Amino acid sequence: MRPHTHKAPLILLVTYITLFTVLAISPYDRATWWAENILVLIVVGILVLTLC
């Protein structure tokens, strides 16, 4: 039997990284941008570490 491979999490991760990078280029206020995104970065990091 072939193991099930789900491409959706990888597609979502690549989409998130792309969007995060584009929006990080020149935010209006860098400190506010970090405050809004640090929790999301932590959650995404935990998900990547636990699902790999």
N, C-alpha and C. Protein backbone atom coordinates (compact mmCIF):
# COMPACT_ATOMS: atom_id res chain seq x y z
N MET A 1 0.83 -1.18 0.00
CA MET A 1 0.00 0.00 0.00
C MET A 1 0.87 1.24 0.00
N ARG A 2 0.42 2.24 -0.73
CA ARG A 2 1.13 3.52 -0.76
C ARG A 2 0.66 4.38 0.41
N PRO A 3 1.61 5.06 1.05
CA PRO A 3 1.19 5.97 2.12
C PRO A 3 0.41 7.15 1.53
N HIS A 4 -0.55 7.61 2.29
CA HIS A 4 -1.34 8.75 1.83
C HIS A 4 -0.51 10.02 1.93
N THR A 5 -0.44 10.75 0.85
CA THR A 5 0.24 12.03 0.88
C THR A 5 -0.78 13.12 0.67
N HIS A 6 -0.77 14.05 1.55
CA HIS A 6 -1.70 15.16 1.47
C HIS A 6 -0.92 16.40 1.05
N LYS A 7 -1.28 16.95 -0.06
CA LYS A 7 -0.57 18.12 -0.57
C LYS A 7 -1.14 19.43 -0.03
N ALA A 8 -2.33 19.39 0.52
CA ALA A 8 -2.97 20.62 0.99
C ALA A 8 -2.15 21.34 2.06
N PRO A 9 -1.62 20.66 3.10
CA PRO A 9 -0.83 21.38 4.10
C PRO A 9 0.41 22.04 3.51
N LEU A 10 1.06 21.37 2.58
CA LEU A 10 2.24 21.94 1.94
C LEU A 10 1.87 23.16 1.09
N ILE A 11 0.78 23.06 0.36
CA ILE A 11 0.32 24.18 -0.45
C ILE A 11 -0.03 25.37 0.44
N LEU A 12 -0.71 25.12 1.55
CA LEU A 12 -1.06 26.19 2.47
C LEU A 12 0.17 26.82 3.11
N LEU A 13 1.17 26.01 3.45
CA LEU A 13 2.41 26.53 4.03
C LEU A 13 3.15 27.41 3.04
N VAL A 14 3.27 26.96 1.80
CA VAL A 14 3.94 27.76 0.78
C VAL A 14 3.18 29.05 0.52
N THR A 15 1.86 28.98 0.49
CA THR A 15 1.05 30.19 0.30
C THR A 15 1.25 31.15 1.47
N TYR A 16 1.28 30.64 2.69
CA TYR A 16 1.48 31.48 3.86
C TYR A 16 2.86 32.14 3.83
N ILE A 17 3.89 31.38 3.52
CA ILE A 17 5.25 31.93 3.48
C ILE A 17 5.35 33.01 2.40
N THR A 18 4.74 32.76 1.25
CA THR A 18 4.76 33.76 0.17
C THR A 18 4.05 35.03 0.59
N LEU A 19 2.87 34.90 1.16
CA LEU A 19 2.11 36.06 1.60
C LEU A 19 2.83 36.80 2.72
N PHE A 20 3.38 36.07 3.67
CA PHE A 20 4.13 36.67 4.77
C PHE A 20 5.31 37.47 4.23
N THR A 21 6.03 36.92 3.28
CA THR A 21 7.20 37.59 2.71
C THR A 21 6.80 38.85 1.96
N VAL A 22 5.76 38.78 1.17
CA VAL A 22 5.31 39.95 0.40
C VAL A 22 4.85 41.06 1.34
N LEU A 23 4.10 40.71 2.36
CA LEU A 23 3.59 41.72 3.28
C LEU A 23 4.66 42.26 4.23
N ALA A 24 5.77 41.56 4.37
CA ALA A 24 6.85 42.01 5.24
C ALA A 24 7.79 43.01 4.56
N ILE A 25 7.63 43.22 3.29
CA ILE A 25 8.56 44.07 2.56
C ILE A 25 8.55 45.50 3.07
N SER A 26 7.40 46.10 3.19
CA SER A 26 7.37 47.50 3.63
C SER A 26 6.08 47.79 4.39
N PRO A 27 5.97 47.28 5.62
CA PRO A 27 4.75 47.57 6.38
C PRO A 27 4.74 49.02 6.84
N TYR A 28 3.56 49.52 7.11
CA TYR A 28 3.40 50.91 7.56
C TYR A 28 4.13 51.14 8.88
N ASP A 29 3.95 50.22 9.81
CA ASP A 29 4.62 50.31 11.11
C ASP A 29 5.18 48.93 11.45
N ARG A 30 6.49 48.80 11.44
CA ARG A 30 7.14 47.51 11.62
C ARG A 30 6.81 46.88 12.98
N ALA A 31 6.79 47.67 14.04
CA ALA A 31 6.51 47.12 15.38
C ALA A 31 5.09 46.55 15.45
N THR A 32 4.13 47.26 14.90
CA THR A 32 2.75 46.77 14.90
C THR A 32 2.64 45.52 14.04
N TRP A 33 3.32 45.50 12.93
CA TRP A 33 3.30 44.33 12.04
C TRP A 33 3.83 43.10 12.77
N TRP A 34 4.94 43.26 13.49
CA TRP A 34 5.49 42.14 14.26
C TRP A 34 4.53 41.70 15.36
N ALA A 35 3.92 42.67 16.04
CA ALA A 35 2.98 42.34 17.12
C ALA A 35 1.79 41.54 16.59
N GLU A 36 1.37 41.85 15.38
CA GLU A 36 0.22 41.14 14.80
C GLU A 36 0.61 39.75 14.27
N ASN A 37 1.87 39.55 13.94
CA ASN A 37 2.27 38.32 13.27
C ASN A 37 3.08 37.34 14.11
N ILE A 38 3.59 37.76 15.26
CA ILE A 38 4.46 36.88 16.03
C ILE A 38 3.73 35.63 16.53
N LEU A 39 2.49 35.79 16.97
CA LEU A 39 1.73 34.62 17.45
C LEU A 39 1.46 33.64 16.31
N VAL A 40 1.15 34.17 15.14
CA VAL A 40 0.90 33.31 13.98
C VAL A 40 2.18 32.56 13.60
N LEU A 41 3.32 33.23 13.65
CA LEU A 41 4.60 32.57 13.36
C LEU A 41 4.87 31.44 14.34
N ILE A 42 4.57 31.65 15.60
CA ILE A 42 4.79 30.62 16.61
C ILE A 42 3.89 29.42 16.34
N VAL A 43 2.63 29.66 16.06
CA VAL A 43 1.68 28.57 15.80
C VAL A 43 2.08 27.80 14.54
N VAL A 44 2.44 28.51 13.48
CA VAL A 44 2.85 27.84 12.25
C VAL A 44 4.12 27.03 12.49
N GLY A 45 5.05 27.56 13.24
CA GLY A 45 6.27 26.82 13.57
C GLY A 45 5.99 25.54 14.35
N ILE A 46 5.09 25.63 15.31
CA ILE A 46 4.71 24.43 16.09
C ILE A 46 4.04 23.40 15.19
N LEU A 47 3.15 23.86 14.32
CA LEU A 47 2.48 22.93 13.40
C LEU A 47 3.47 22.25 12.47
N VAL A 48 4.41 23.00 11.95
CA VAL A 48 5.41 22.42 11.04
C VAL A 48 6.25 21.39 11.79
N LEU A 49 6.65 21.71 13.02
CA LEU A 49 7.47 20.76 13.78
C LEU A 49 6.72 19.50 14.18
N THR A 50 5.44 19.63 14.47
CA THR A 50 4.69 18.45 14.92
C THR A 50 4.14 17.61 13.78
N LEU A 51 3.95 18.21 12.61
CA LEU A 51 3.38 17.45 11.50
C LEU A 51 4.42 16.84 10.57
N CYS A 52 5.68 17.20 10.75
CA CYS A 52 6.73 16.64 9.88
C CYS A 52 7.19 15.30 10.35
